[in-house]
Amino acid sequence: MEFRGTGGESTMSILQRTLRTFVITAAAMAGQLGYADSGYHPFSEPVDFDPDWQLFAPMQLQDVEDLSPRQRAPHGLYLTYDRVYTGVTRPEVNGATYLMDSTWGNRWDFGWMNRRESGWAFSYQVVTGPNVYHGYEQLRLNGFTDSVVEDDADVPFFRPTAFDNDPYTLERTYDVVQSINVANYSSFEANKTWRMEPYRYGGMLEPLIGLRYVKFLDTARSDDYLTDLVVDPFDPTQDFAGEVYTNDIVQTRNDMVLGQLGFRYFRKIRRWTLSNEFKVFAGHTFQSQETTRYVTTTTYPVDVAIGDEPLFDGNHVGTSYFSRRNNETPVGFDLRAEGAFSATKHLDLRVGFQMIYFGQGIWRGAALGQGNNHETNQQVVMPGLTFGFAINR
């Protein structure tokens, strides 16, 4: 009878596999280091920026004044953030495109430039607004204001919280509004960029080509409030007091896929970096529009008094919905002019101007009674100021 030492062989097999894995890994690392020594490393571009963990180290002019423009130009990763205060033109359907309404937004730029003077540049921007309405608060048939309540102790009895439909005024009211300029803008772009040789006075040009996605949302709203006598459908001889609250809401969406060409030009002067950026774009817009009419009818006794409960609250007979789609070809440009001050070794504080222009291809709607709702090829102008910071830019 013969016995075999299977445990020892298994141990040797595990050791052999471990040694093979170690040798393969070491060879792969040696190959990458060899590429790096020759000036190329496939994973070195995004992490080329080495601040030595001293982003806030003081700026030393004597260290940079003797450097050439090529040596002062940053390489590796960069990141910028800007707060945007911008205007947005009103829809053409209102007949007041020369007027603008202001709003706030945010913009993030990030990317990298390698030592071979090529890289990638990305940008994301969102503008939440404007949100401009004209309107008023309409007291409902059984509603009341604070002037009716004589004593604070009577408030819970006369005006229970559940009876109030407006959480802000704590009164039984409707908001009757007409939209003037309500929009929302967001965009994301990816660009391949190159850095050219410096000009005579130190300026440097970075051509770029890329893609941009833009989403532009527009909202139009028109409310109406009417009171009248309502006939009881079960007893034609019986009348009720009724109020009808109507909301006409038109929501229009533009999804744009654009190709773009442009450049960035910058020049470093002592602590300052002055830059201009210009991009022209064109492409296709996928447009959609949803039109909704909400009708809310509430009935009361004919002799309704303050604080009376309604007979029926929330009849939505008459509510309707409609949607449609369209396609357009937008054309426009994005212009920036900025000045950045080197506050520390790698951190800049900057301020600038930006103008986004769409010459055509934007659909902005209008509620019933506000204007033509078929203008699918409108323009939008968004000029504004920016201020923020930049790292290694």
Protein backbone atom coordinates (compact mmCIF):
# COMPACT_ATOMS: atom_id res chain seq x y z
CA MET A 1 0.00 0.00 0.00
CA GLU A 2 1.31 3.45 -0.99
CA PHE A 3 0.45 6.80 0.54
CA ARG A 4 1.05 10.14 -1.28
CA GLY A 5 1.75 13.46 0.47
CA THR A 6 -0.98 15.53 -1.20
CA GLY A 7 -0.73 18.32 1.39
CA GLY A 8 2.89 19.12 0.54
CA GLU A 9 2.21 19.19 -3.18
CA SER A 10 -0.71 21.60 -2.67
CA THR A 11 1.51 23.93 -0.65
CA MET A 12 4.17 23.93 -3.36
CA SER A 13 1.51 24.64 -6.01
CA ILE A 14 0.25 27.69 -4.09
CA LEU A 15 3.79 29.01 -3.66
CA GLN A 16 4.52 28.59 -7.36
CA ARG A 17 1.36 30.49 -8.35
CA THR A 18 2.19 33.27 -5.90
CA LEU A 19 5.70 33.61 -7.30
CA ARG A 20 4.39 33.70 -10.87
CA THR A 21 1.90 36.45 -9.96
CA PHE A 22 4.65 38.47 -8.25
CA VAL A 23 6.99 38.15 -11.24
CA ILE A 24 4.28 39.19 -13.72
CA THR A 25 3.31 42.20 -11.58
CA ALA A 26 6.93 43.27 -11.20
CA ALA A 27 7.48 42.99 -14.95
CA ALA A 28 4.39 45.08 -15.65
CA MET A 29 5.51 47.77 -13.20
CA ALA A 30 9.00 47.78 -14.68
CA GLY A 31 7.50 48.24 -18.14
CA GLN A 32 5.43 51.22 -16.99
CA LEU A 33 8.46 52.77 -15.29
CA GLY A 34 10.41 52.28 -18.47
CA TYR A 35 7.73 54.16 -20.42
CA ALA A 36 7.75 56.90 -17.80
CA ASP A 37 11.54 57.27 -18.10
CA SER A 38 11.18 57.64 -21.84
CA GLY A 39 8.70 60.48 -21.36
CA TYR A 40 5.44 58.58 -21.73
CA HIS A 41 3.14 57.06 -19.14
CA PRO A 42 -0.47 56.24 -20.03
CA PHE A 43 -1.73 57.12 -16.55
CA SER A 44 0.40 60.18 -15.80
CA GLU A 45 -1.64 62.88 -17.56
CA PRO A 46 -4.48 63.52 -15.10
CA VAL A 47 -2.24 63.41 -12.03
CA ASP A 48 0.66 65.45 -13.37
CA PHE A 49 -0.24 68.37 -11.09
CA ASP A 50 1.89 68.09 -7.93
CA PRO A 51 1.20 70.92 -5.45
CA ASP A 52 3.21 69.25 -2.64
CA TRP A 53 0.10 69.74 -0.47
CA GLN A 54 0.81 73.48 -0.43
CA LEU A 55 -2.15 74.96 -2.27
CA PHE A 56 -2.11 77.96 0.07
CA ALA A 57 1.63 78.58 0.06
CA PRO A 58 2.41 82.27 -0.58
CA MET A 59 3.06 83.43 -4.11
CA GLN A 60 6.73 84.36 -4.72
CA LEU A 61 7.07 86.74 -7.67
CA GLN A 62 10.83 86.23 -7.90
CA ASP A 63 10.19 82.54 -8.59
CA VAL A 64 8.05 83.22 -11.67
CA GLU A 65 9.18 86.52 -13.17
CA ASP A 66 12.28 84.93 -14.72
CA LEU A 67 10.32 82.04 -16.20
CA SER A 68 9.30 81.96 -19.85
CA PRO A 69 5.59 81.95 -20.78
CA ARG A 70 5.91 78.27 -21.65
CA GLN A 71 7.34 77.48 -18.21
CA ARG A 72 4.67 79.49 -16.39
CA ALA A 73 1.79 77.82 -18.23
CA PRO A 74 0.19 75.26 -15.87
CA HIS A 75 0.14 71.52 -16.53
CA GLY A 76 -1.80 68.68 -14.97
CA LEU A 77 -5.21 68.81 -13.36
CA TYR A 78 -7.11 72.06 -12.92
CA LEU A 79 -10.41 73.01 -11.29
CA THR A 80 -12.45 76.22 -11.25
CA TYR A 81 -15.74 77.29 -9.68
CA ASP A 82 -17.71 80.44 -10.50
CA ARG A 83 -20.90 81.92 -9.15
CA VAL A 84 -22.90 83.35 -12.05
CA TYR A 85 -25.23 86.36 -11.96
CA THR A 86 -26.90 86.53 -15.35
CA GLY A 87 -29.84 87.98 -17.22
CA VAL A 88 -32.21 85.99 -19.43
CA THR A 89 -34.30 87.55 -22.19
CA ARG A 90 -38.07 87.17 -22.07
CA PRO A 91 -39.99 84.95 -24.51
CA GLU A 92 -40.74 86.43 -27.91
CA VAL A 93 -44.41 85.54 -27.48
CA ASN A 94 -44.70 88.32 -24.87
CA GLY A 95 -43.52 90.96 -27.33
CA ALA A 96 -40.83 92.18 -24.90
CA THR A 97 -37.62 90.40 -25.96
CA TYR A 98 -35.64 93.57 -25.28
CA LEU A 99 -36.30 93.08 -21.54
CA MET A 100 -34.31 90.75 -19.29
CA ASP A 101 -34.75 89.27 -15.84
CA SER A 102 -31.80 88.41 -13.61
CA THR A 103 -31.06 85.18 -11.78
CA TRP A 104 -28.22 83.16 -10.23
CA GLY A 105 -26.33 80.08 -11.32
CA ASN A 106 -23.15 78.03 -10.86
CA ARG A 107 -20.35 76.92 -13.19
CA TRP A 108 -17.64 74.28 -12.76
CA ASP A 109 -14.68 73.84 -15.14
CA PHE A 110 -12.19 70.98 -14.82
CA GLY A 111 -9.71 69.06 -16.93
CA TRP A 112 -5.99 68.67 -17.51
CA MET A 113 -3.12 69.61 -19.83
CA ASN A 114 -0.17 67.24 -20.24
CA ARG A 115 3.48 68.03 -20.96
CA ARG A 116 2.95 67.40 -24.67
CA GLU A 117 0.61 70.43 -24.64
CA SER A 118 -2.65 68.57 -25.25
CA GLY A 119 -5.46 67.73 -22.88
CA TRP A 120 -9.17 67.72 -22.13
CA ALA A 121 -11.46 70.46 -20.84
CA PHE A 122 -14.89 69.89 -19.29
CA SER A 123 -17.50 72.39 -18.14
CA TYR A 124 -20.85 72.11 -16.34
CA GLN A 125 -23.15 75.08 -15.81
CA VAL A 126 -26.64 75.45 -14.35
CA VAL A 127 -28.82 78.56 -14.10
CA THR A 128 -31.89 78.20 -11.88
CA GLY A 129 -34.26 80.85 -13.11
CA PRO A 130 -35.50 83.41 -13.68
CA ASN A 131 -38.84 82.94 -11.92
CA VAL A 132 -40.81 86.11 -12.59
CA TYR A 133 -44.58 86.23 -12.07
CA HIS A 134 -47.27 88.86 -11.68
CA GLY A 135 -50.13 87.92 -9.38
CA TYR A 136 -52.17 88.39 -6.25
CA GLU A 137 -53.77 86.41 -3.41
CA GLN A 138 -57.49 85.82 -3.88
CA LEU A 139 -59.55 85.35 -0.71
CA ARG A 140 -61.95 82.43 -1.11
CA LEU A 141 -65.71 82.61 -0.48
CA ASN A 142 -65.50 81.26 3.06
CA GLY A 143 -62.07 82.67 3.83
CA PHE A 144 -61.10 85.39 6.23
CA THR A 145 -58.08 87.44 7.23
CA ASP A 146 -56.56 88.37 10.58
CA SER A 147 -58.73 91.49 10.70
CA VAL A 148 -61.77 89.30 11.39
CA VAL A 149 -60.23 87.65 14.45
CA GLU A 150 -60.66 89.83 17.54
CA ASP A 151 -58.67 87.75 20.01
CA ASP A 152 -55.63 85.56 19.49
CA ALA A 153 -57.27 82.93 21.66
CA ASP A 154 -60.02 82.59 19.04
CA VAL A 155 -57.63 81.69 16.22
CA PRO A 156 -57.64 77.89 16.75
CA PHE A 157 -61.46 77.89 16.89
CA PHE A 158 -62.17 80.09 13.89
CA ARG A 159 -59.22 79.05 11.75
CA PRO A 160 -57.96 75.50 12.29
CA THR A 161 -54.76 74.66 10.45
CA ALA A 162 -56.41 71.97 8.37
CA PHE A 163 -58.90 74.52 7.05
CA ASP A 164 -56.19 76.83 5.67
CA ASN A 165 -55.00 75.87 2.19
CA ASP A 166 -52.08 78.36 2.02
CA PRO A 167 -49.20 77.31 4.34
CA TYR A 168 -47.46 80.69 4.00
CA THR A 169 -50.29 83.14 4.71
CA LEU A 170 -52.28 80.75 6.98
CA GLU A 171 -55.39 81.96 5.22
CA ARG A 172 -57.87 80.38 2.85
CA THR A 173 -56.64 81.94 -0.38
CA TYR A 174 -55.70 81.11 -3.96
CA ASP A 175 -52.58 82.42 -5.70
CA VAL A 176 -53.70 83.87 -9.04
CA VAL A 177 -50.54 84.47 -11.10
CA GLN A 178 -49.41 85.21 -14.65
CA SER A 179 -45.92 84.10 -15.67
CA ILE A 180 -43.59 86.69 -17.19
CA ASN A 181 -40.25 84.89 -17.54
CA VAL A 182 -39.75 81.42 -16.05
CA ALA A 183 -36.85 79.30 -17.32
CA ASN A 184 -34.07 76.91 -16.33
CA TYR A 185 -30.76 76.35 -18.14
CA SER A 186 -28.13 73.62 -17.78
CA SER A 187 -25.25 72.48 -19.99
CA PHE A 188 -22.32 70.09 -20.06
CA GLU A 189 -19.45 70.16 -22.54
CA ALA A 190 -16.36 68.07 -23.27
CA ASN A 191 -13.55 69.48 -25.40
CA LYS A 192 -10.23 68.23 -26.75
CA THR A 193 -7.72 71.07 -26.50
CA TRP A 194 -4.14 71.86 -27.52
CA ARG A 195 -1.69 74.56 -26.43
CA MET A 196 0.20 76.47 -29.11
CA GLU A 197 3.59 78.18 -28.96
CA PRO A 198 3.68 81.49 -27.03
CA TYR A 199 3.21 84.75 -28.90
CA ARG A 200 5.71 87.58 -28.79
CA TYR A 201 4.34 89.20 -25.62
CA GLY A 202 3.68 85.97 -23.77
CA GLY A 203 0.11 85.19 -24.76
CA MET A 204 -0.80 81.57 -25.46
CA LEU A 205 -3.60 80.13 -27.59
CA GLU A 206 -5.46 76.89 -26.87
CA PRO A 207 -7.70 75.75 -29.77
CA LEU A 208 -10.47 73.33 -28.87
CA ILE A 209 -13.11 71.13 -30.46
CA GLY A 210 -15.85 69.26 -28.65
CA LEU A 211 -19.47 68.45 -27.91
CA ARG A 212 -22.03 70.26 -25.79
CA TYR A 213 -25.37 69.12 -24.35
CA VAL A 214 -27.84 71.85 -23.36
CA LYS A 215 -31.22 71.58 -21.64
CA PHE A 216 -33.43 74.66 -21.65
CA LEU A 217 -36.79 74.49 -19.85
CA ASP A 218 -39.51 77.12 -20.14
CA THR A 219 -42.72 77.41 -18.12
CA ALA A 220 -45.75 79.56 -18.91
CA ARG A 221 -48.64 79.85 -16.47
CA SER A 222 -51.92 81.76 -16.44
CA ASP A 223 -54.48 81.49 -13.60
CA ASP A 224 -58.11 82.55 -13.42
CA TYR A 225 -60.61 82.77 -10.55
CA LEU A 226 -64.40 83.07 -11.00
CA THR A 227 -67.40 82.92 -8.66
CA ASP A 228 -70.95 82.13 -9.75
CA LEU A 229 -74.12 80.25 -8.83
CA VAL A 230 -74.00 76.52 -9.53
CA VAL A 231 -77.14 74.46 -10.21
CA ASP A 232 -77.51 71.21 -8.27
CA PRO A 233 -77.49 68.42 -10.92
CA PHE A 234 -79.86 66.33 -8.75
CA ASP A 235 -82.28 69.17 -7.97
CA PRO A 236 -82.45 71.90 -10.67
CA THR A 237 -84.42 74.12 -8.30
CA GLN A 238 -81.51 74.21 -5.84
CA ASP A 239 -78.58 76.61 -6.34
CA PHE A 240 -75.14 76.62 -4.73
CA ALA A 241 -72.44 79.25 -4.47
CA GLY A 242 -69.44 78.11 -6.50
CA GLU A 243 -65.87 79.18 -7.20
CA VAL A 244 -63.79 77.96 -10.14
CA TYR A 245 -59.98 78.13 -9.98
CA THR A 246 -58.25 77.47 -13.34
CA ASN A 247 -54.51 76.93 -13.93
CA ASP A 248 -53.22 76.91 -17.52
CA ILE A 249 -49.64 75.58 -17.46
CA VAL A 250 -47.42 75.11 -20.53
CA GLN A 251 -44.06 73.38 -19.99
CA THR A 252 -41.61 73.40 -22.91
CA ARG A 253 -38.35 71.45 -23.05
CA ASN A 254 -35.39 71.88 -25.43
CA ASP A 255 -32.73 69.13 -25.46
CA MET A 256 -29.80 70.23 -27.63
CA VAL A 257 -26.90 68.13 -28.90
CA LEU A 258 -24.27 70.50 -30.30
CA GLY A 259 -20.85 70.40 -31.87
CA GLN A 260 -18.54 73.30 -31.13
CA LEU A 261 -15.25 74.92 -32.13
CA GLY A 262 -13.35 77.60 -30.30
CA PHE A 263 -10.27 78.72 -28.45
CA ARG A 264 -8.95 80.03 -25.16
CA TYR A 265 -6.34 82.78 -25.11
CA PHE A 266 -4.54 83.71 -21.90
CA ARG A 267 -1.58 85.79 -20.78
CA LYS A 268 0.14 85.87 -17.38
CA ILE A 269 1.31 89.28 -16.12
CA ARG A 270 2.98 89.13 -12.71
CA ARG A 271 0.20 87.97 -10.35
CA TRP A 272 -2.56 88.31 -12.95
CA THR A 273 -3.88 85.88 -15.55
CA LEU A 274 -6.00 87.54 -18.25
CA SER A 275 -8.01 85.20 -20.47
CA ASN A 276 -10.62 85.16 -23.21
CA GLU A 277 -12.62 82.16 -24.37
CA PHE A 278 -14.87 81.91 -27.41
CA LYS A 279 -16.87 78.93 -28.69
CA VAL A 280 -19.36 78.71 -31.56
CA PHE A 281 -21.82 75.83 -31.66
CA ALA A 282 -24.58 74.37 -33.81
CA GLY A 283 -26.56 71.16 -33.79
CA HIS A 284 -30.02 69.72 -33.26
CA THR A 285 -32.80 70.46 -30.77
CA PHE A 286 -35.30 67.84 -29.67
CA GLN A 287 -38.32 69.85 -28.51
CA SER A 288 -41.40 68.81 -26.54
CA GLN A 289 -44.28 70.72 -24.99
CA GLU A 290 -46.97 69.76 -22.48
CA THR A 291 -50.11 71.87 -22.06
CA THR A 292 -52.24 71.22 -18.98
CA ARG A 293 -55.41 72.93 -17.75
CA TYR A 294 -56.28 72.25 -14.11
CA VAL A 295 -59.84 73.16 -13.16
CA THR A 296 -60.85 73.08 -9.48
CA THR A 297 -64.51 73.74 -8.58
CA THR A 298 -65.70 74.22 -4.99
CA THR A 299 -69.36 74.58 -3.95
CA TYR A 300 -70.88 76.20 -0.82
CA PRO A 301 -74.34 77.05 0.49
CA VAL A 302 -75.76 80.14 -1.21
CA ASP A 303 -75.54 82.11 2.04
CA VAL A 304 -71.93 81.02 2.70
CA ALA A 305 -70.34 82.75 5.69
CA ILE A 306 -66.81 83.09 6.97
CA GLY A 307 -65.51 79.75 8.22
CA ASP A 308 -68.31 77.61 6.69
CA GLU A 309 -67.26 74.21 5.43
CA PRO A 310 -67.65 73.75 1.65
CA LEU A 311 -70.26 71.31 0.40
CA PHE A 312 -67.75 69.86 -2.06
CA ASP A 313 -64.09 70.82 -2.41
CA GLY A 314 -61.92 69.61 -5.29
CA ASN A 315 -64.13 68.88 -8.31
CA HIS A 316 -61.68 68.67 -11.23
CA VAL A 317 -64.18 68.27 -14.07
CA GLY A 318 -62.78 70.13 -17.10
CA THR A 319 -59.10 69.31 -16.52
CA SER A 320 -57.30 68.56 -19.81
CA TYR A 321 -53.82 67.60 -21.07
CA PHE A 322 -52.11 67.93 -24.46
CA SER A 323 -48.55 67.35 -25.71
CA ARG A 324 -46.59 67.73 -28.96
CA ARG A 325 -43.03 67.55 -30.32
CA ASN A 326 -40.83 69.42 -32.76
CA ASN A 327 -37.23 69.71 -34.05
CA GLU A 328 -35.08 72.76 -34.75
CA THR A 329 -31.46 73.68 -35.55
CA PRO A 330 -29.89 75.95 -32.90
CA VAL A 331 -26.89 78.18 -33.62
CA GLY A 332 -25.04 80.32 -31.09
CA PHE A 333 -21.88 81.12 -29.18
CA ASP A 334 -20.39 81.25 -25.67
CA LEU A 335 -18.08 84.18 -24.88
CA ARG A 336 -16.02 84.64 -21.71
CA ALA A 337 -13.57 87.30 -20.53
CA GLU A 338 -11.89 86.81 -17.14
CA GLY A 339 -9.18 88.18 -14.91
CA ALA A 340 -7.61 86.01 -12.17
CA PHE A 341 -5.38 87.19 -9.31
CA SER A 342 -2.88 84.72 -7.81
CA ALA A 343 -3.73 84.82 -4.12
CA THR A 344 -1.45 81.86 -3.28
CA LYS A 345 0.94 79.57 -5.10
CA HIS A 346 -1.80 77.53 -6.77
CA LEU A 347 -5.07 79.33 -5.90
CA ASP A 348 -6.45 82.23 -7.97
CA LEU A 349 -9.40 84.50 -7.25
CA ARG A 350 -11.14 85.60 -10.42
CA VAL A 351 -13.93 87.71 -11.85
CA GLY A 352 -15.28 87.86 -15.37
CA PHE A 353 -18.02 88.31 -17.92
CA GLN A 354 -19.94 85.63 -19.82
CA MET A 355 -22.46 85.84 -22.63
CA ILE A 356 -24.38 82.83 -23.95
CA TYR A 357 -26.30 83.47 -27.15
CA PHE A 358 -28.74 81.26 -29.04
CA GLY A 359 -29.68 82.95 -32.32
CA GLN A 360 -32.41 80.42 -33.08
CA GLY A 361 -33.74 76.98 -32.23
CA ILE A 362 -35.36 77.59 -28.82
CA TRP A 363 -39.05 76.88 -28.16
CA ARG A 364 -40.65 78.97 -25.43
CA GLY A 365 -44.37 78.62 -24.80
CA ALA A 366 -47.28 80.80 -23.78
CA ALA A 367 -50.36 79.95 -21.76
CA LEU A 368 -53.83 80.44 -23.21
CA GLY A 369 -54.48 84.13 -23.66
CA GLN A 370 -50.79 85.09 -23.34
CA GLY A 371 -49.76 84.84 -26.98
CA ASN A 372 -48.79 82.54 -29.84
CA ASN A 373 -47.74 79.11 -28.62
CA HIS A 374 -46.21 77.94 -31.91
CA GLU A 375 -42.98 80.00 -31.94
CA THR A 376 -40.52 77.09 -31.98
CA ASN A 377 -37.51 79.00 -33.34
CA GLN A 378 -36.86 81.77 -30.82
CA GLN A 379 -33.60 83.31 -29.60
CA VAL A 380 -32.23 83.53 -26.05
CA VAL A 381 -29.54 85.91 -24.78
CA MET A 382 -27.86 85.40 -21.38
CA PRO A 383 -25.22 88.03 -20.45
CA GLY A 384 -23.83 88.02 -16.92
CA LEU A 385 -21.03 88.44 -14.40
CA THR A 386 -18.99 85.65 -12.80
CA PHE A 387 -16.78 85.45 -9.73
CA GLY A 388 -15.03 82.50 -8.11
CA PHE A 389 -11.70 80.72 -7.74
CA ALA A 390 -9.34 78.56 -9.78
CA ILE A 391 -6.76 75.90 -8.86
CA ASN A 392 -3.80 75.40 -11.22
CA ARG A 393 -5.51 77.33 -14.02
